[in-house]
Amino acid sequence: MKNPVMFVVEVCCVFTILLLIRSIAQGSANIGFEFQIPRVARERNTSEEKIRQLVQAHTEGRQFGFLGEPRVNVLELNLDLDRVLKLEESR
């Protein structure tokens, strides 16, 4: 029979590794938005600052205040980009 203390240590190690992998994956996904801002601004024919403000407005915090990492709601961001840029074109 396995030592119960060793079993708990192994479970904790696996859990910690999974959290680390998840954190790295989520962090790199959020960093990706910064690299995309110039391209989106160019394609949408608007300023990088306006895109950056919209990305910030559609960045959601951690779930329950402590789970996960901040993330961008891409669907809402794209819908808002369409709405805001159509308003600008109509002026």
PDB file of N, CA and C in Angstrom:
ATOM      1  N   MET A   1       0.841  -1.183   0.000  1.00  0.00           N
ATOM      2  CA  MET A   1       0.000   0.000   0.000  1.00  0.00           C
ATOM      3  C   MET A   1       0.887   1.248   0.000  1.00  0.00           C
ATOM      4  N   LYS A   2       0.441   2.244  -0.756  1.00  0.00           N
ATOM      5  CA  LYS A   2       1.203   3.469  -0.890  1.00  0.00           C
ATOM      6  C   LYS A   2       1.020   4.360   0.349  1.00  0.00           C
ATOM      7  N   ASN A   3       2.074   5.023   0.716  1.00  0.00           N
ATOM      8  CA  ASN A   3       2.056   5.949   1.838  1.00  0.00           C
ATOM      9  C   ASN A   3       1.067   7.089   1.520  1.00  0.00           C
ATOM     10  N   PRO A   4       0.078   7.359   2.374  1.00  0.00           N
ATOM     11  CA  PRO A   4      -0.913   8.402   2.095  1.00  0.00           C
ATOM     12  C   PRO A   4      -0.294   9.790   1.954  1.00  0.00           C
ATOM     13  N   VAL A   5       0.745  10.058   2.690  1.00  0.00           N
ATOM     14  CA  VAL A   5       1.409  11.361   2.593  1.00  0.00           C
ATOM     15  C   VAL A   5       2.044  11.527   1.216  1.00  0.00           C
ATOM     16  N   MET A   6       2.688  10.487   0.719  1.00  0.00           N
ATOM     17  CA  MET A   6       3.305  10.551  -0.609  1.00  0.00           C
ATOM     18  C   MET A   6       2.246  10.729  -1.694  1.00  0.00           C
ATOM     19  N   PHE A   7       1.104  10.090  -1.512  1.00  0.00           N
ATOM     20  CA  PHE A   7       0.020  10.222  -2.471  1.00  0.00           C
ATOM     21  C   PHE A   7      -0.441  11.685  -2.545  1.00  0.00           C
ATOM     22  N   VAL A   8      -0.608  12.320  -1.392  1.00  0.00           N
ATOM     23  CA  VAL A   8      -1.029  13.728  -1.350  1.00  0.00           C
ATOM     24  C   VAL A   8       0.019  14.616  -2.004  1.00  0.00           C
ATOM     25  N   VAL A   9       1.284  14.344  -1.752  1.00  0.00           N
ATOM     26  CA  VAL A   9       2.363  15.126  -2.360  1.00  0.00           C
ATOM     27  C   VAL A   9       2.326  14.986  -3.878  1.00  0.00           C
ATOM     28  N   GLU A  10       2.138  13.774  -4.381  1.00  0.00           N
ATOM     29  CA  GLU A  10       2.076  13.557  -5.824  1.00  0.00           C
ATOM     30  C   GLU A  10       0.890  14.285  -6.453  1.00  0.00           C
ATOM     31  N   VAL A  11      -0.259  14.216  -5.806  1.00  0.00           N
ATOM     32  CA  VAL A  11      -1.447  14.908  -6.322  1.00  0.00           C
ATOM     33  C   VAL A  11      -1.208  16.410  -6.349  1.00  0.00           C
ATOM     34  N   CYS A  12      -0.617  16.939  -5.302  1.00  0.00           N
ATOM     35  CA  CYS A  12      -0.321  18.377  -5.256  1.00  0.00           C
ATOM     36  C   CYS A  12       0.654  18.777  -6.354  1.00  0.00           C
ATOM     37  N   CYS A  13       1.658  17.965  -6.623  1.00  0.00           N
ATOM     38  CA  CYS A  13       2.622  18.253  -7.688  1.00  0.00           C
ATOM     39  C   CYS A  13       1.943  18.273  -9.048  1.00  0.00           C
ATOM     40  N   VAL A  14       1.117  17.289  -9.308  1.00  0.00           N
ATOM     41  CA  VAL A  14       0.410  17.237 -10.588  1.00  0.00           C
ATOM     42  C   VAL A  14      -0.501  18.444 -10.722  1.00  0.00           C
ATOM     43  N   PHE A  15      -1.232  18.783  -9.676  1.00  0.00           N
ATOM     44  CA  PHE A  15      -2.131  19.925  -9.697  1.00  0.00           C
ATOM     45  C   PHE A  15      -1.358  21.216  -9.956  1.00  0.00           C
ATOM     46  N   THR A  16      -0.216  21.378  -9.316  1.00  0.00           N
ATOM     47  CA  THR A  16       0.612  22.569  -9.507  1.00  0.00           C
ATOM     48  C   THR A  16       1.117  22.667 -10.935  1.00  0.00           C
ATOM     49  N   ILE A  17       1.542  21.567 -11.508  1.00  0.00           N
ATOM     50  CA  ILE A  17       2.017  21.562 -12.896  1.00  0.00           C
ATOM     51  C   ILE A  17       0.890  21.932 -13.844  1.00  0.00           C
ATOM     52  N   LEU A  18      -0.302  21.396 -13.618  1.00  0.00           N
ATOM     53  CA  LEU A  18      -1.444  21.732 -14.477  1.00  0.00           C
ATOM     54  C   LEU A  18      -1.800  23.212 -14.378  1.00  0.00           C
ATOM     55  N   LEU A  19      -1.759  23.768 -13.171  1.00  0.00           N
ATOM     56  CA  LEU A  19      -2.028  25.198 -13.013  1.00  0.00           C
ATOM     57  C   LEU A  19      -0.974  26.041 -13.722  1.00  0.00           C
ATOM     58  N   LEU A  20       0.264  25.634 -13.641  1.00  0.00           N
ATOM     59  CA  LEU A  20       1.344  26.357 -14.309  1.00  0.00           C
ATOM     60  C   LEU A  20       1.157  26.333 -15.820  1.00  0.00           C
ATOM     61  N   ILE A  21       0.849  25.174 -16.366  1.00  0.00           N
ATOM     62  CA  ILE A  21       0.633  25.059 -17.817  1.00  0.00           C
ATOM     63  C   ILE A  21      -0.538  25.935 -18.244  1.00  0.00           C
ATOM     64  N   ARG A  22      -1.615  25.897 -17.471  1.00  0.00           N
ATOM     65  CA  ARG A  22      -2.788  26.706 -17.796  1.00  0.00           C
ATOM     66  C   ARG A  22      -2.455  28.189 -17.740  1.00  0.00           C
ATOM     67  N   SER A  23      -1.715  28.585 -16.742  1.00  0.00           N
ATOM     68  CA  SER A  23      -1.337  29.987 -16.590  1.00  0.00           C
ATOM     69  C   SER A  23      -0.484  30.461 -17.760  1.00  0.00           C
ATOM     70  N   ILE A  24       0.467  29.653 -18.169  1.00  0.00           N
ATOM     71  CA  ILE A  24       1.332  30.008 -19.298  1.00  0.00           C
ATOM     72  C   ILE A  24       0.513  30.123 -20.572  1.00  0.00           C
ATOM     73  N   ALA A  25      -0.379  29.177 -20.793  1.00  0.00           N
ATOM     74  CA  ALA A  25      -1.196  29.187 -22.008  1.00  0.00           C
ATOM     75  C   ALA A  25      -2.103  30.407 -22.041  1.00  0.00           C
ATOM     76  N   GLN A  26      -2.739  30.734 -20.944  1.00  0.00           N
ATOM     77  CA  GLN A  26      -3.627  31.883 -20.917  1.00  0.00           C
ATOM     78  C   GLN A  26      -2.848  33.188 -21.027  1.00  0.00           C
ATOM     79  N   GLY A  27      -1.725  33.245 -20.382  1.00  0.00           N
ATOM     80  CA  GLY A  27      -0.925  34.461 -20.455  1.00  0.00           C
ATOM     81  C   GLY A  27      -0.463  34.751 -21.865  1.00  0.00           C
ATOM     82  N   SER A  28      -0.035  33.731 -22.582  1.00  0.00           N
ATOM     83  CA  SER A  28       0.437  33.948 -23.943  1.00  0.00           C
ATOM     84  C   SER A  28      -0.703  34.327 -24.864  1.00  0.00           C
ATOM     85  N   ALA A  29      -1.923  33.843 -24.584  1.00  0.00           N
ATOM     86  CA  ALA A  29      -3.070  34.211 -25.410  1.00  0.00           C
ATOM     87  C   ALA A  29      -3.388  35.692 -25.237  1.00  0.00           C
ATOM     88  N   ASN A  30      -3.313  36.202 -24.010  1.00  0.00           N
ATOM     89  CA  ASN A  30      -3.596  37.605 -23.784  1.00  0.00           C
ATOM     90  C   ASN A  30      -2.514  38.501 -24.362  1.00  0.00           C
ATOM     91  N   ILE A  31      -1.286  38.069 -24.308  1.00  0.00           N
ATOM     92  CA  ILE A  31      -0.197  38.840 -24.902  1.00  0.00           C
ATOM     93  C   ILE A  31      -0.400  38.962 -26.402  1.00  0.00           C
ATOM     94  N   GLY A  32      -0.996  37.954 -27.008  1.00  0.00           N
ATOM     95  CA  GLY A  32      -1.229  37.963 -28.456  1.00  0.00           C
ATOM     96  C   GLY A  32      -2.054  39.140 -28.926  1.00  0.00           C
ATOM     97  N   PHE A  33      -2.924  39.665 -28.077  1.00  0.00           N
ATOM     98  CA  PHE A  33      -3.740  40.796 -28.499  1.00  0.00           C
ATOM     99  C   PHE A  33      -2.904  42.040 -28.721  1.00  0.00           C
ATOM    100  N   GLU A  34      -1.884  42.248 -27.921  1.00  0.00           N
ATOM    101  CA  GLU A  34      -1.016  43.408 -28.124  1.00  0.00           C
ATOM    102  C   GLU A  34      -0.330  43.365 -29.486  1.00  0.00           C
ATOM    103  N   PHE A  35       0.056  42.181 -29.913  1.00  0.00           N
ATOM    104  CA  PHE A  35       0.718  42.047 -31.203  1.00  0.00           C
ATOM    105  C   PHE A  35      -0.258  42.227 -32.368  1.00  0.00           C
ATOM    106  N   GLN A  36      -1.539  42.011 -32.127  1.00  0.00           N
ATOM    107  CA  GLN A  36      -2.532  42.114 -33.192  1.00  0.00           C
ATOM    108  C   GLN A  36      -3.092  43.518 -33.361  1.00  0.00           C
ATOM    109  N   ILE A  37      -2.899  44.378 -32.387  1.00  0.00           N
ATOM    110  CA  ILE A  37      -3.485  45.721 -32.445  1.00  0.00           C
ATOM    111  C   ILE A  37      -3.051  46.498 -33.682  1.00  0.00           C
ATOM    112  N   PRO A  38      -1.762  46.552 -34.041  1.00  0.00           N
ATOM    113  CA  PRO A  38      -1.395  47.297 -35.254  1.00  0.00           C
ATOM    114  C   PRO A  38      -2.060  46.743 -36.527  1.00  0.00           C
ATOM    115  N   ARG A  39      -2.146  45.428 -36.631  1.00  0.00           N
ATOM    116  CA  ARG A  39      -2.761  44.826 -37.814  1.00  0.00           C
ATOM    117  C   ARG A  39      -4.252  45.145 -37.880  1.00  0.00           C
ATOM    118  N   VAL A  40      -4.944  45.035 -36.750  1.00  0.00           N
ATOM    119  CA  VAL A  40      -6.378  45.323 -36.722  1.00  0.00           C
ATOM    120  C   VAL A  40      -6.618  46.794 -37.046  1.00  0.00           C
ATOM    121  N   ALA A  41      -5.812  47.683 -36.486  1.00  0.00           N
ATOM    122  CA  ALA A  41      -5.959  49.115 -36.768  1.00  0.00           C
ATOM    123  C   ALA A  41      -5.741  49.399 -38.258  1.00  0.00           C
ATOM    124  N   ARG A  42      -4.758  48.766 -38.839  1.00  0.00           N
ATOM    125  CA  ARG A  42      -4.486  48.958 -40.267  1.00  0.00           C
ATOM    126  C   ARG A  42      -5.643  48.434 -41.117  1.00  0.00           C
ATOM    127  N   GLU A  43      -6.126  47.221 -40.800  1.00  0.00           N
ATOM    128  CA  GLU A  43      -7.212  46.623 -41.581  1.00  0.00           C
ATOM    129  C   GLU A  43      -8.527  47.384 -41.408  1.00  0.00           C
ATOM    130  N   ARG A  44      -8.749  47.917 -40.224  1.00  0.00           N
ATOM    131  CA  ARG A  44      -9.997  48.636 -39.946  1.00  0.00           C
ATOM    132  C   ARG A  44      -9.865  50.133 -40.234  1.00  0.00           C
ATOM    133  N   ASN A  45      -8.691  50.557 -40.672  1.00  0.00           N
ATOM    134  CA  ASN A  45      -8.431  51.947 -41.036  1.00  0.00           C
ATOM    135  C   ASN A  45      -8.757  52.903 -39.877  1.00  0.00           C
ATOM    136  N   THR A  46      -8.202  52.607 -38.733  1.00  0.00           N
ATOM    137  CA  THR A  46      -8.391  53.444 -37.550  1.00  0.00           C
ATOM    138  C   THR A  46      -7.096  53.459 -36.738  1.00  0.00           C
ATOM    139  N   SER A  47      -7.104  54.207 -35.652  1.00  0.00           N
ATOM    140  CA  SER A  47      -5.876  54.350 -34.862  1.00  0.00           C
ATOM    141  C   SER A  47      -5.668  53.156 -33.922  1.00  0.00           C
ATOM    142  N   GLU A  48      -4.412  52.897 -33.639  1.00  0.00           N
ATOM    143  CA  GLU A  48      -4.071  51.838 -32.686  1.00  0.00           C
ATOM    144  C   GLU A  48      -4.616  52.165 -31.307  1.00  0.00           C
ATOM    145  N   GLU A  49      -4.620  53.430 -30.944  1.00  0.00           N
ATOM    146  CA  GLU A  49      -5.117  53.830 -29.629  1.00  0.00           C
ATOM    147  C   GLU A  49      -6.596  53.495 -29.473  1.00  0.00           C
ATOM    148  N   LYS A  50      -7.387  53.718 -30.507  1.00  0.00           N
ATOM    149  CA  LYS A  50      -8.813  53.394 -30.437  1.00  0.00           C
ATOM    150  C   LYS A  50      -9.020  51.889 -30.271  1.00  0.00           C
ATOM    151  N   ILE A  51      -8.230  51.082 -30.996  1.00  0.00           N
ATOM    152  CA  ILE A  51      -8.324  49.623 -30.874  1.00  0.00           C
ATOM    153  C   ILE A  51      -7.909  49.205 -29.476  1.00  0.00           C
ATOM    154  N   ARG A  52      -6.839  49.797 -28.965  1.00  0.00           N
ATOM    155  CA  ARG A  52      -6.345  49.459 -27.626  1.00  0.00           C
ATOM    156  C   ARG A  52      -7.409  49.785 -26.565  1.00  0.00           C
ATOM    157  N   GLN A  53      -8.103  50.923 -26.708  1.00  0.00           N
ATOM    158  CA  GLN A  53      -9.163  51.297 -25.766  1.00  0.00           C
ATOM    159  C   GLN A  53     -10.309  50.289 -25.812  1.00  0.00           C
ATOM    160  N   LEU A  54     -10.685  49.848 -27.017  1.00  0.00           N
ATOM    161  CA  LEU A  54     -11.771  48.876 -27.137  1.00  0.00           C
ATOM    162  C   LEU A  54     -11.369  47.520 -26.566  1.00  0.00           C
ATOM    163  N   VAL A  55     -10.114  47.123 -26.792  1.00  0.00           N
ATOM    164  CA  VAL A  55      -9.637  45.858 -26.215  1.00  0.00           C
ATOM    165  C   VAL A  55      -9.694  45.944 -24.693  1.00  0.00           C
ATOM    166  N   GLN A  56      -9.268  47.070 -24.147  1.00  0.00           N
ATOM    167  CA  GLN A  56      -9.300  47.264 -22.689  1.00  0.00           C
ATOM    168  C   GLN A  56     -10.741  47.215 -22.178  1.00  0.00           C
ATOM    169  N   ALA A  57     -11.663  47.825 -22.920  1.00  0.00           N
ATOM    170  CA  ALA A  57     -13.064  47.850 -22.498  1.00  0.00           C
ATOM    171  C   ALA A  57     -13.691  46.454 -22.506  1.00  0.00           C
ATOM    172  N   HIS A  58     -13.170  45.563 -23.353  1.00  0.00           N
ATOM    173  CA  HIS A  58     -13.739  44.213 -23.469  1.00  0.00           C
ATOM    174  C   HIS A  58     -12.861  43.151 -22.811  1.00  0.00           C
ATOM    175  N   THR A  59     -11.948  43.596 -21.944  1.00  0.00           N
ATOM    176  CA  THR A  59     -11.145  42.655 -21.182  1.00  0.00           C
ATOM    177  C   THR A  59     -11.872  42.354 -19.876  1.00  0.00           C
ATOM    178  N   GLU A  60     -12.153  41.079 -19.676  1.00  0.00           N
ATOM    179  CA  GLU A  60     -12.870  40.639 -18.478  1.00  0.00           C
ATOM    180  C   GLU A  60     -11.871  40.162 -17.438  1.00  0.00           C
ATOM    181  N   GLY A  61     -12.193  40.397 -16.191  1.00  0.00           N
ATOM    182  CA  GLY A  61     -11.306  40.013 -15.097  1.00  0.00           C
ATOM    183  C   GLY A  61     -11.366  38.527 -14.789  1.00  0.00           C
ATOM    184  N   ARG A  62     -10.694  38.174 -13.735  1.00  0.00           N
ATOM    185  CA  ARG A  62     -10.664  36.782 -13.281  1.00  0.00           C
ATOM    186  C   ARG A  62     -12.054  36.351 -12.821  1.00  0.00           C
ATOM    187  N   GLN A  63     -12.391  35.092 -13.082  1.00  0.00           N
ATOM    188  CA  GLN A  63     -13.675  34.569 -12.637  1.00  0.00           C
ATOM    189  C   GLN A  63     -13.694  34.509 -11.111  1.00  0.00           C
ATOM    190  N   PHE A  64     -14.741  35.006 -10.511  1.00  0.00           N
ATOM    191  CA  PHE A  64     -14.904  35.092  -9.063  1.00  0.00           C
ATOM    192  C   PHE A  64     -13.798  35.923  -8.410  1.00  0.00           C
ATOM    193  N   GLY A  65     -13.083  36.694  -9.204  1.00  0.00           N
ATOM    194  CA  GLY A  65     -12.045  37.564  -8.677  1.00  0.00           C
ATOM    195  C   GLY A  65     -10.699  36.910  -8.442  1.00  0.00           C
ATOM    196  N   PHE A  66     -10.603  35.574  -8.587  1.00  0.00           N
ATOM    197  CA  PHE A  66      -9.320  34.934  -8.310  1.00  0.00           C
ATOM    198  C   PHE A  66      -9.015  33.740  -9.221  1.00  0.00           C
ATOM    199  N   LEU A  67      -9.963  33.264  -9.992  1.00  0.00           N
ATOM    200  CA  LEU A  67      -9.711  32.106 -10.856  1.00  0.00           C
ATOM    201  C   LEU A  67      -9.317  32.549 -12.259  1.00  0.00           C
ATOM    202  N   GLY A  68      -8.301  31.939 -12.806  1.00  0.00           N
ATOM    203  CA  GLY A  68      -7.894  32.210 -14.173  1.00  0.00           C
ATOM    204  C   GLY A  68      -7.172  33.529 -14.325  1.00  0.00           C
ATOM    205  N   GLU A  69      -7.125  33.977 -15.565  1.00  0.00           N
ATOM    206  CA  GLU A  69      -6.444  35.218 -15.900  1.00  0.00           C
ATOM    207  C   GLU A  69      -7.417  36.137 -16.630  1.00  0.00           C
ATOM    208  N   PRO A  70      -7.140  37.438 -16.653  1.00  0.00           N
ATOM    209  CA  PRO A  70      -7.982  38.335 -17.452  1.00  0.00           C
ATOM    210  C   PRO A  70      -7.989  37.879 -18.913  1.00  0.00           C
ATOM    211  N   ARG A  71      -9.140  38.059 -19.579  1.00  0.00           N
ATOM    212  CA  ARG A  71      -9.269  37.602 -20.956  1.00  0.00           C
ATOM    213  C   ARG A  71     -10.099  38.600 -21.749  1.00  0.00           C
ATOM    214  N   VAL A  72      -9.904  38.593 -23.048  1.00  0.00           N
ATOM    215  CA  VAL A  72     -10.637  39.488 -23.936  1.00  0.00           C
ATOM    216  C   VAL A  72     -11.832  38.735 -24.504  1.00  0.00           C
ATOM    217  N   ASN A  73     -13.013  39.347 -24.422  1.00  0.00           N
ATOM    218  CA  ASN A  73     -14.206  38.784 -25.036  1.00  0.00           C
ATOM    219  C   ASN A  73     -14.181  39.201 -26.503  1.00  0.00           C
ATOM    220  N   VAL A  74     -13.700  38.310 -27.357  1.00  0.00           N
ATOM    221  CA  VAL A  74     -13.443  38.630 -28.759  1.00  0.00           C
ATOM    222  C   VAL A  74     -14.739  38.900 -29.516  1.00  0.00           C
ATOM    223  N   LEU A  75     -15.791  38.153 -29.234  1.00  0.00           N
ATOM    224  CA  LEU A  75     -17.061  38.371 -29.922  1.00  0.00           C
ATOM    225  C   LEU A  75     -17.577  39.775 -29.654  1.00  0.00           C
ATOM    226  N   GLU A  76     -17.639  40.161 -28.386  1.00  0.00           N
ATOM    227  CA  GLU A  76     -18.118  41.499 -28.054  1.00  0.00           C
ATOM    228  C   GLU A  76     -17.197  42.579 -28.617  1.00  0.00           C
ATOM    229  N   LEU A  77     -15.899  42.336 -28.606  1.00  0.00           N
ATOM    230  CA  LEU A  77     -14.950  43.291 -29.161  1.00  0.00           C
ATOM    231  C   LEU A  77     -15.214  43.512 -30.648  1.00  0.00           C
ATOM    232  N   ASN A  78     -15.366  42.430 -31.401  1.00  0.00           N
ATOM    233  CA  ASN A  78     -15.608  42.560 -32.838  1.00  0.00           C
ATOM    234  C   ASN A  78     -16.933  43.246 -33.134  1.00  0.00           C
ATOM    235  N   LEU A  79     -17.976  42.928 -32.373  1.00  0.00           N
ATOM    236  CA  LEU A  79     -19.265  43.596 -32.572  1.00  0.00           C
ATOM    237  C   LEU A  79     -19.154  45.088 -32.272  1.00  0.00           C
ATOM    238  N   ASP A  80     -18.432  45.433 -31.220  1.00  0.00           N
ATOM    239  CA  ASP A  80     -18.246  46.841 -30.873  1.00  0.00           C
ATOM    240  C   ASP A  80     -17.389  47.554 -31.914  1.00  0.00           C
ATOM    241  N   LEU A  81     -16.367  46.883 -32.417  1.00  0.00           N
ATOM    242  CA  LEU A  81     -15.551  47.473 -33.487  1.00  0.00           C
ATOM    243  C   LEU A  81     -16.415  47.801 -34.698  1.00  0.00           C
ATOM    244  N   ASP A  82     -17.270  46.859 -35.097  1.00  0.00           N
ATOM    245  CA  ASP A  82     -18.162  47.110 -36.233  1.00  0.00           C
ATOM    246  C   ASP A  82     -19.068  48.298 -35.953  1.00  0.00           C
ATOM    247  N   ARG A  83     -19.651  48.353 -34.761  1.00  0.00           N
ATOM    248  CA  ARG A  83     -20.575  49.426 -34.413  1.00  0.00           C
ATOM    249  C   ARG A  83     -19.874  50.786 -34.368  1.00  0.00           C
ATOM    250  N   VAL A  84     -18.757  50.856 -33.687  1.00  0.00           N
ATOM    251  CA  VAL A  84     -18.041  52.126 -33.533  1.00  0.00           C
ATOM    252  C   VAL A  84     -17.525  52.631 -34.881  1.00  0.00           C
ATOM    253  N   LEU A  85     -16.974  51.752 -35.680  1.00  0.00           N
ATOM    254  CA  LEU A  85     -16.405  52.191 -36.955  1.00  0.00           C
ATOM    255  C   LEU A  85     -17.487  52.561 -37.963  1.00  0.00           C
ATOM    256  N   LYS A  86     -18.665  51.940 -37.895  1.00  0.00           N
ATOM    257  CA  LYS A  86     -19.775  52.348 -38.756  1.00  0.00           C
ATOM    258  C   LYS A  86     -20.257  53.740 -38.378  1.00  0.00           C
ATOM    259  N   LEU A  87     -20.286  54.033 -37.064  1.00  0.00           N
ATOM    260  CA  LEU A  87     -20.674  55.366 -36.620  1.00  0.00           C
ATOM    261  C   LEU A  87     -19.699  56.420 -37.148  1.00  0.00           C
ATOM    262  N   GLU A  88     -18.412  56.098 -37.116  1.00  0.00           N
ATOM    263  CA  GLU A  88     -17.398  57.040 -37.611  1.00  0.00           C
ATOM    264  C   GLU A  88     -17.544  57.273 -39.114  1.00  0.00           C
ATOM    265  N   GLU A  89     -17.843  56.216 -39.866  1.00  0.00           N
ATOM    266  CA  GLU A  89     -17.984  56.337 -41.319  1.00  0.00           C
ATOM    267  C   GLU A  89     -19.202  57.177 -41.688  1.00  0.00           C
ATOM    268  N   SER A  90     -20.253  57.103 -40.890  1.00  0.00           N
ATOM    269  CA  SER A  90     -21.478  57.824 -41.206  1.00  0.00           C
ATOM    270  C   SER A  90     -21.374  59.314 -40.918  1.00  0.00           C
ATOM    271  N   ARG A  91     -20.365  59.727 -40.193  1.00  0.00           N
ATOM    272  CA  ARG A  91     -20.184  61.160 -39.849  1.00  0.00           C
ATOM    273  C   ARG A  91     -19.635  61.927 -41.003  1.00  0.00           C
TER     274      ARG A  91
END
